[in-house]
Amino acid sequence: MISEAVTPEEADKLKIGILAEPLGAAITVPFAFLGPGAWNLSWLSVLFFGLFLKKRHKRRYGDVKD
Protein backbone atom coordinates (compact mmCIF):
# COMPACT_ATOMS: atom_id res chain seq x y z
CA MET A 1 0.00 0.00 0.00
CA ILE A 2 2.43 2.58 -1.26
CA SER A 3 1.46 5.57 -3.35
CA GLU A 4 2.41 5.34 -7.00
CA ALA A 5 4.25 8.63 -6.57
CA VAL A 6 6.89 6.83 -4.50
CA THR A 7 9.73 5.42 -6.57
CA PRO A 8 11.06 1.90 -5.95
CA GLU A 9 14.29 3.45 -4.63
CA GLU A 10 12.37 5.52 -2.08
CA ALA A 11 10.33 2.49 -1.03
CA ASP A 12 13.53 0.50 -0.53
CA LYS A 13 15.04 3.31 1.60
CA LEU A 14 11.92 3.21 3.74
CA LYS A 15 12.32 -0.54 4.19
CA ILE A 16 15.92 -0.02 5.33
CA GLY A 17 14.77 2.27 8.10
CA ILE A 18 11.85 0.12 9.17
CA LEU A 19 13.08 -3.45 8.70
CA ALA A 20 16.32 -3.41 10.74
CA GLU A 21 14.61 -3.24 14.14
CA PRO A 22 12.09 -6.10 13.64
CA LEU A 23 14.87 -8.33 12.30
CA GLY A 24 16.96 -7.50 15.35
CA ALA A 25 14.02 -8.17 17.66
CA ALA A 26 13.49 -11.61 16.15
CA ILE A 27 17.17 -12.46 16.64
CA THR A 28 17.28 -11.29 20.28
CA VAL A 29 14.52 -13.56 21.60
CA PRO A 30 16.76 -16.62 22.21
CA PHE A 31 19.31 -14.44 24.00
CA ALA A 32 16.67 -13.39 26.53
CA PHE A 33 16.78 -16.93 27.93
CA LEU A 34 20.52 -16.59 28.58
CA GLY A 35 20.13 -13.49 30.71
CA PRO A 36 19.48 -9.76 30.57
CA GLY A 37 23.10 -8.90 29.69
CA ALA A 38 23.15 -11.22 26.69
CA TRP A 39 19.77 -9.93 25.60
CA ASN A 40 20.91 -6.30 25.77
CA LEU A 41 24.11 -7.05 23.87
CA SER A 42 22.20 -8.93 21.20
CA TRP A 43 20.35 -5.71 20.35
CA LEU A 44 23.58 -4.56 18.70
CA SER A 45 22.54 -6.85 15.84
CA VAL A 46 20.20 -4.03 14.74
CA LEU A 47 23.30 -2.11 13.64
CA PHE A 48 24.48 -5.02 11.51
CA PHE A 49 21.07 -5.45 9.91
CA GLY A 50 21.02 -1.73 9.09
CA LEU A 51 24.46 -1.96 7.47
CA PHE A 52 23.46 -5.08 5.54
CA LEU A 53 20.28 -3.46 4.23
CA LYS A 54 22.17 -0.31 3.19
CA LYS A 55 24.74 -2.38 1.28
CA ARG A 56 21.92 -4.30 -0.38
CA HIS A 57 20.31 -1.02 -1.40
CA LYS A 58 23.57 0.29 -2.90
CA ARG A 59 24.07 -2.96 -4.82
CA ARG A 60 20.56 -2.77 -6.19
CA TYR A 61 20.33 0.93 -7.06
CA GLY A 62 23.93 2.13 -7.13
CA ASP A 63 25.28 4.87 -4.90
CA VAL A 64 22.14 7.03 -4.66
CA LYS A 65 22.51 10.18 -2.56
CA ASP A 66 19.86 11.01 0.07
PDB file of N, CA and C in Angstrom:
ATOM      1  N   MET A   1       0.829  -1.173   0.000  1.00  0.00           N
ATOM      2  CA  MET A   1       0.000   0.000   0.000  1.00  0.00           C
ATOM      3  C   MET A   1       0.879   1.244   0.000  1.00  0.00           C
ATOM      4  N   ILE A   2       1.567   1.419  -1.094  1.00  0.00           N
ATOM      5  CA  ILE A   2       2.430   2.583  -1.257  1.00  0.00           C
ATOM      6  C   ILE A   2       1.899   3.380  -2.432  1.00  0.00           C
ATOM      7  N   SER A   3       1.910   4.686  -2.283  1.00  0.00           N
ATOM      8  CA  SER A   3       1.458   5.574  -3.347  1.00  0.00           C
ATOM      9  C   SER A   3       2.292   5.343  -4.600  1.00  0.00           C
ATOM     10  N   GLU A   4       1.682   5.508  -5.753  1.00  0.00           N
ATOM     11  CA  GLU A   4       2.414   5.336  -7.001  1.00  0.00           C
ATOM     12  C   GLU A   4       3.414   6.465  -7.233  1.00  0.00           C
ATOM     13  N   ALA A   5       3.306   7.532  -6.454  1.00  0.00           N
ATOM     14  CA  ALA A   5       4.248   8.634  -6.571  1.00  0.00           C
ATOM     15  C   ALA A   5       5.597   8.292  -5.943  1.00  0.00           C
ATOM     16  N   VAL A   6       5.643   7.250  -5.140  1.00  0.00           N
ATOM     17  CA  VAL A   6       6.886   6.828  -4.500  1.00  0.00           C
ATOM     18  C   VAL A   6       7.643   5.913  -5.450  1.00  0.00           C
ATOM     19  N   THR A   7       8.910   6.241  -5.687  1.00  0.00           N
ATOM     20  CA  THR A   7       9.731   5.415  -6.574  1.00  0.00           C
ATOM     21  C   THR A   7      10.171   4.153  -5.849  1.00  0.00           C
ATOM     22  N   PRO A   8      10.561   3.125  -6.596  1.00  0.00           N
ATOM     23  CA  PRO A   8      11.057   1.903  -5.952  1.00  0.00           C
ATOM     24  C   PRO A   8      12.271   2.165  -5.054  1.00  0.00           C
ATOM     25  N   GLU A   9      13.123   3.112  -5.448  1.00  0.00           N
ATOM     26  CA  GLU A   9      14.286   3.448  -4.634  1.00  0.00           C
ATOM     27  C   GLU A   9      13.865   4.039  -3.293  1.00  0.00           C
ATOM     28  N   GLU A  10      12.873   4.918  -3.317  1.00  0.00           N
ATOM     29  CA  GLU A  10      12.373   5.524  -2.080  1.00  0.00           C
ATOM     30  C   GLU A  10      11.707   4.472  -1.187  1.00  0.00           C
ATOM     31  N   ALA A  11      10.978   3.560  -1.802  1.00  0.00           N
ATOM     32  CA  ALA A  11      10.331   2.491  -1.034  1.00  0.00           C
ATOM     33  C   ALA A  11      11.378   1.599  -0.378  1.00  0.00           C
ATOM     34  N   ASP A  12      12.480   1.322  -1.094  1.00  0.00           N
ATOM     35  CA  ASP A  12      13.528   0.497  -0.527  1.00  0.00           C
ATOM     36  C   ASP A  12      14.237   1.221   0.609  1.00  0.00           C
ATOM     37  N   LYS A  13      14.452   2.530   0.503  1.00  0.00           N
ATOM     38  CA  LYS A  13      15.044   3.305   1.599  1.00  0.00           C
ATOM     39  C   LYS A  13      14.151   3.255   2.834  1.00  0.00           C
ATOM     40  N   LEU A  14      12.864   3.299   2.623  1.00  0.00           N
ATOM     41  CA  LEU A  14      11.925   3.209   3.736  1.00  0.00           C
ATOM     42  C   LEU A  14      12.028   1.848   4.422  1.00  0.00           C
ATOM     43  N   LYS A  15      12.167   0.797   3.621  1.00  0.00           N
ATOM     44  CA  LYS A  15      12.324  -0.544   4.189  1.00  0.00           C
ATOM     45  C   LYS A  15      13.588  -0.647   5.024  1.00  0.00           C
ATOM     46  N   ILE A  16      14.664   0.008   4.584  1.00  0.00           N
ATOM     47  CA  ILE A  16      15.916  -0.024   5.334  1.00  0.00           C
ATOM     48  C   ILE A  16      15.696   0.527   6.736  1.00  0.00           C
ATOM     49  N   GLY A  17      15.004   1.647   6.810  1.00  0.00           N
ATOM     50  CA  GLY A  17      14.766   2.274   8.104  1.00  0.00           C
ATOM     51  C   GLY A  17      13.814   1.494   8.989  1.00  0.00           C
ATOM     52  N   ILE A  18      12.880   0.803   8.392  1.00  0.00           N
ATOM     53  CA  ILE A  18      11.847   0.117   9.165  1.00  0.00           C
ATOM     54  C   ILE A  18      12.215  -1.335   9.478  1.00  0.00           C
ATOM     55  N   LEU A  19      12.892  -2.004   8.581  1.00  0.00           N
ATOM     56  CA  LEU A  19      13.083  -3.451   8.696  1.00  0.00           C
ATOM     57  C   LEU A  19      14.197  -3.865   9.657  1.00  0.00           C
ATOM     58  N   ALA A  20      15.181  -3.011   9.903  1.00  0.00           N
ATOM     59  CA  ALA A  20      16.319  -3.410  10.738  1.00  0.00           C
ATOM     60  C   ALA A  20      15.887  -3.765  12.161  1.00  0.00           C
ATOM     61  N   GLU A  21      15.002  -2.991  12.747  1.00  0.00           N
ATOM     62  CA  GLU A  21      14.607  -3.243  14.136  1.00  0.00           C
ATOM     63  C   GLU A  21      13.794  -4.528  14.308  1.00  0.00           C
ATOM     64  N   PRO A  22      12.795  -4.825  13.473  1.00  0.00           N
ATOM     65  CA  PRO A  22      12.086  -6.103  13.639  1.00  0.00           C
ATOM     66  C   PRO A  22      12.983  -7.326  13.420  1.00  0.00           C
ATOM     67  N   LEU A  23      13.936  -7.216  12.479  1.00  0.00           N
ATOM     68  CA  LEU A  23      14.871  -8.328  12.298  1.00  0.00           C
ATOM     69  C   LEU A  23      15.719  -8.522  13.545  1.00  0.00           C
ATOM     70  N   GLY A  24      16.192  -7.420  14.110  1.00  0.00           N
ATOM     71  CA  GLY A  24      16.964  -7.503  15.349  1.00  0.00           C
ATOM     72  C   GLY A  24      16.147  -8.067  16.488  1.00  0.00           C
ATOM     73  N   ALA A  25      14.898  -7.665  16.595  1.00  0.00           N
ATOM     74  CA  ALA A  25      14.024  -8.168  17.663  1.00  0.00           C
ATOM     75  C   ALA A  25      13.834  -9.680  17.552  1.00  0.00           C
ATOM     76  N   ALA A  26      13.673 -10.172  16.339  1.00  0.00           N
ATOM     77  CA  ALA A  26      13.492 -11.610  16.148  1.00  0.00           C
ATOM     78  C   ALA A  26      14.746 -12.394  16.548  1.00  0.00           C
ATOM     79  N   ILE A  27      15.908 -11.801  16.304  1.00  0.00           N
ATOM     80  CA  ILE A  27      17.166 -12.465  16.638  1.00  0.00           C
ATOM     81  C   ILE A  27      17.419 -12.444  18.147  1.00  0.00           C
ATOM     82  N   THR A  28      16.955 -11.432  18.856  1.00  0.00           N
ATOM     83  CA  THR A  28      17.279 -11.287  20.276  1.00  0.00           C
ATOM     84  C   THR A  28      16.474 -12.205  21.198  1.00  0.00           C
ATOM     85  N   VAL A  29      15.384 -12.754  20.738  1.00  0.00           N
ATOM     86  CA  VAL A  29      14.519 -13.565  21.604  1.00  0.00           C
ATOM     87  C   VAL A  29      15.271 -14.729  22.261  1.00  0.00           C
ATOM     88  N   PRO A  30      16.052 -15.530  21.532  1.00  0.00           N
ATOM     89  CA  PRO A  30      16.760 -16.619  22.205  1.00  0.00           C
ATOM     90  C   PRO A  30      17.764 -16.138  23.259  1.00  0.00           C
ATOM     91  N   PHE A  31      18.338 -14.968  23.053  1.00  0.00           N
ATOM     92  CA  PHE A  31      19.312 -14.439  24.002  1.00  0.00           C
ATOM     93  C   PHE A  31      18.662 -14.022  25.319  1.00  0.00           C
ATOM     94  N   ALA A  32      17.383 -13.762  25.302  1.00  0.00           N
ATOM     95  CA  ALA A  32      16.673 -13.391  26.528  1.00  0.00           C
ATOM     96  C   ALA A  32      16.679 -14.547  27.531  1.00  0.00           C
ATOM     97  N   PHE A  33      16.739 -15.777  27.036  1.00  0.00           N
ATOM     98  CA  PHE A  33      16.775 -16.930  27.931  1.00  0.00           C
ATOM     99  C   PHE A  33      18.139 -17.105  28.583  1.00  0.00           C
ATOM    100  N   LEU A  34      19.173 -16.501  27.998  1.00  0.00           N
ATOM    101  CA  LEU A  34      20.517 -16.589  28.578  1.00  0.00           C
ATOM    102  C   LEU A  34      20.722 -15.599  29.716  1.00  0.00           C
ATOM    103  N   GLY A  35      20.007 -14.490  29.650  1.00  0.00           N
ATOM    104  CA  GLY A  35      20.126 -13.489  30.707  1.00  0.00           C
ATOM    105  C   GLY A  35      19.950 -12.088  30.153  1.00  0.00           C
ATOM    106  N   PRO A  36      19.726 -11.124  31.028  1.00  0.00           N
ATOM    107  CA  PRO A  36      19.482  -9.760  30.569  1.00  0.00           C
ATOM    108  C   PRO A  36      20.690  -9.122  29.888  1.00  0.00           C
ATOM    109  N   GLY A  37      21.899  -9.462  30.324  1.00  0.00           N
ATOM    110  CA  GLY A  37      23.095  -8.898  29.692  1.00  0.00           C
ATOM    111  C   GLY A  37      23.250  -9.372  28.257  1.00  0.00           C
ATOM    112  N   ALA A  38      23.053 -10.669  28.047  1.00  0.00           N
ATOM    113  CA  ALA A  38      23.146 -11.225  26.693  1.00  0.00           C
ATOM    114  C   ALA A  38      22.054 -10.651  25.806  1.00  0.00           C
ATOM    115  N   TRP A  39      20.879 -10.473  26.377  1.00  0.00           N
ATOM    116  CA  TRP A  39      19.768  -9.928  25.598  1.00  0.00           C
ATOM    117  C   TRP A  39      20.060  -8.495  25.182  1.00  0.00           C
ATOM    118  N   ASN A  40      20.579  -7.683  26.110  1.00  0.00           N
ATOM    119  CA  ASN A  40      20.908  -6.300  25.774  1.00  0.00           C
ATOM    120  C   ASN A  40      22.011  -6.218  24.723  1.00  0.00           C
ATOM    121  N   LEU A  41      23.036  -7.051  24.860  1.00  0.00           N
ATOM    122  CA  LEU A  41      24.110  -7.047  23.867  1.00  0.00           C
ATOM    123  C   LEU A  41      23.630  -7.519  22.500  1.00  0.00           C
ATOM    124  N   SER A  42      22.684  -8.428  22.484  1.00  0.00           N
ATOM    125  CA  SER A  42      22.195  -8.932  21.198  1.00  0.00           C
ATOM    126  C   SER A  42      21.460  -7.860  20.405  1.00  0.00           C
ATOM    127  N   TRP A  43      21.014  -6.802  21.073  1.00  0.00           N
ATOM    128  CA  TRP A  43      20.352  -5.714  20.351  1.00  0.00           C
ATOM    129  C   TRP A  43      21.317  -4.964  19.439  1.00  0.00           C
ATOM    130  N   LEU A  44      22.613  -5.162  19.618  1.00  0.00           N
ATOM    131  CA  LEU A  44      23.582  -4.562  18.699  1.00  0.00           C
ATOM    132  C   LEU A  44      23.436  -5.125  17.285  1.00  0.00           C
ATOM    133  N   SER A  45      22.762  -6.267  17.166  1.00  0.00           N
ATOM    134  CA  SER A  45      22.535  -6.848  15.844  1.00  0.00           C
ATOM    135  C   SER A  45      21.728  -5.911  14.949  1.00  0.00           C
ATOM    136  N   VAL A  46      20.973  -5.002  15.538  1.00  0.00           N
ATOM    137  CA  VAL A  46      20.205  -4.035  14.743  1.00  0.00           C
ATOM    138  C   VAL A  46      21.149  -3.204  13.877  1.00  0.00           C
ATOM    139  N   LEU A  47      22.316  -2.865  14.411  1.00  0.00           N
ATOM    140  CA  LEU A  47      23.295  -2.105  13.639  1.00  0.00           C
ATOM    141  C   LEU A  47      23.762  -2.893  12.421  1.00  0.00           C
ATOM    142  N   PHE A  48      24.015  -4.190  12.614  1.00  0.00           N
ATOM    143  CA  PHE A  48      24.478  -5.021  11.508  1.00  0.00           C
ATOM    144  C   PHE A  48      23.392  -5.207  10.449  1.00  0.00           C
ATOM    145  N   PHE A  49      22.152  -5.342  10.885  1.00  0.00           N
ATOM    146  CA  PHE A  49      21.068  -5.451   9.912  1.00  0.00           C
ATOM    147  C   PHE A  49      20.932  -4.159   9.116  1.00  0.00           C
ATOM    148  N   GLY A  50      21.078  -3.021   9.786  1.00  0.00           N
ATOM    149  CA  GLY A  50      21.023  -1.732   9.091  1.00  0.00           C
ATOM    150  C   GLY A  50      22.126  -1.608   8.052  1.00  0.00           C
ATOM    151  N   LEU A  51      23.341  -2.000   8.416  1.00  0.00           N
ATOM    152  CA  LEU A  51      24.460  -1.955   7.466  1.00  0.00           C
ATOM    153  C   LEU A  51      24.222  -2.903   6.292  1.00  0.00           C
ATOM    154  N   PHE A  52      23.740  -4.109   6.591  1.00  0.00           N
ATOM    155  CA  PHE A  52      23.457  -5.081   5.536  1.00  0.00           C
ATOM    156  C   PHE A  52      22.411  -4.550   4.561  1.00  0.00           C
ATOM    157  N   LEU A  53      21.343  -3.964   5.097  1.00  0.00           N
ATOM    158  CA  LEU A  53      20.282  -3.458   4.227  1.00  0.00           C
ATOM    159  C   LEU A  53      20.755  -2.272   3.394  1.00  0.00           C
ATOM    160  N   LYS A  54      21.623  -1.427   3.959  1.00  0.00           N
ATOM    161  CA  LYS A  54      22.168  -0.307   3.187  1.00  0.00           C
ATOM    162  C   LYS A  54      23.057  -0.797   2.052  1.00  0.00           C
ATOM    163  N   LYS A  55      23.891  -1.813   2.331  1.00  0.00           N
ATOM    164  CA  LYS A  55      24.742  -2.376   1.280  1.00  0.00           C
ATOM    165  C   LYS A  55      23.890  -3.006   0.188  1.00  0.00           C
ATOM    166  N   ARG A  56      22.839  -3.675   0.593  1.00  0.00           N
ATOM    167  CA  ARG A  56      21.925  -4.297  -0.377  1.00  0.00           C
ATOM    168  C   ARG A  56      21.277  -3.239  -1.262  1.00  0.00           C
ATOM    169  N   HIS A  57      20.914  -2.114  -0.642  1.00  0.00           N
ATOM    170  CA  HIS A  57      20.310  -1.024  -1.397  1.00  0.00           C
ATOM    171  C   HIS A  57      21.306  -0.444  -2.399  1.00  0.00           C
ATOM    172  N   LYS A  58      22.550  -0.251  -1.988  1.00  0.00           N
ATOM    173  CA  LYS A  58      23.571   0.288  -2.895  1.00  0.00           C
ATOM    174  C   LYS A  58      23.844  -0.664  -4.046  1.00  0.00           C
ATOM    175  N   ARG A  59      23.865  -1.987  -3.760  1.00  0.00           N
ATOM    176  CA  ARG A  59      24.073  -2.960  -4.820  1.00  0.00           C
ATOM    177  C   ARG A  59      22.937  -2.921  -5.824  1.00  0.00           C
ATOM    178  N   ARG A  60      21.734  -2.737  -5.335  1.00  0.00           N
ATOM    179  CA  ARG A  60      20.557  -2.771  -6.194  1.00  0.00           C
ATOM    180  C   ARG A  60      20.399  -1.497  -7.022  1.00  0.00           C
ATOM    181  N   TYR A  61      20.624  -0.342  -6.404  1.00  0.00           N
ATOM    182  CA  TYR A  61      20.334   0.934  -7.059  1.00  0.00           C
ATOM    183  C   TYR A  61      21.564   1.793  -7.303  1.00  0.00           C
ATOM    184  N   GLY A  62      22.739   1.321  -6.975  1.00  0.00           N
ATOM    185  CA  GLY A  62      23.934   2.131  -7.129  1.00  0.00           C
ATOM    186  C   GLY A  62      24.069   3.074  -5.940  1.00  0.00           C
ATOM    187  N   ASP A  63      25.029   3.942  -5.995  1.00  0.00           N
ATOM    188  CA  ASP A  63      25.281   4.874  -4.901  1.00  0.00           C
ATOM    189  C   ASP A  63      24.368   6.082  -5.049  1.00  0.00           C
ATOM    190  N   VAL A  64      23.139   5.963  -4.571  1.00  0.00           N
ATOM    191  CA  VAL A  64      22.144   7.033  -4.663  1.00  0.00           C
ATOM    192  C   VAL A  64      22.292   7.921  -3.448  1.00  0.00           C
ATOM    193  N   LYS A  65      22.381   9.232  -3.670  1.00  0.00           N
ATOM    194  CA  LYS A  65      22.506  10.176  -2.565  1.00  0.00           C
ATOM    195  C   LYS A  65      21.138  10.444  -1.951  1.00  0.00           C
ATOM    196  N   ASP A  66      21.114  10.722  -0.624  1.00  0.00           N
ATOM    197  CA  ASP A  66      19.855  11.014   0.070  1.00  0.00           C
ATOM    198  C   ASP A  66      19.321  12.367  -0.320  1.00  0.00           C
TER     199      ASP A  66
END
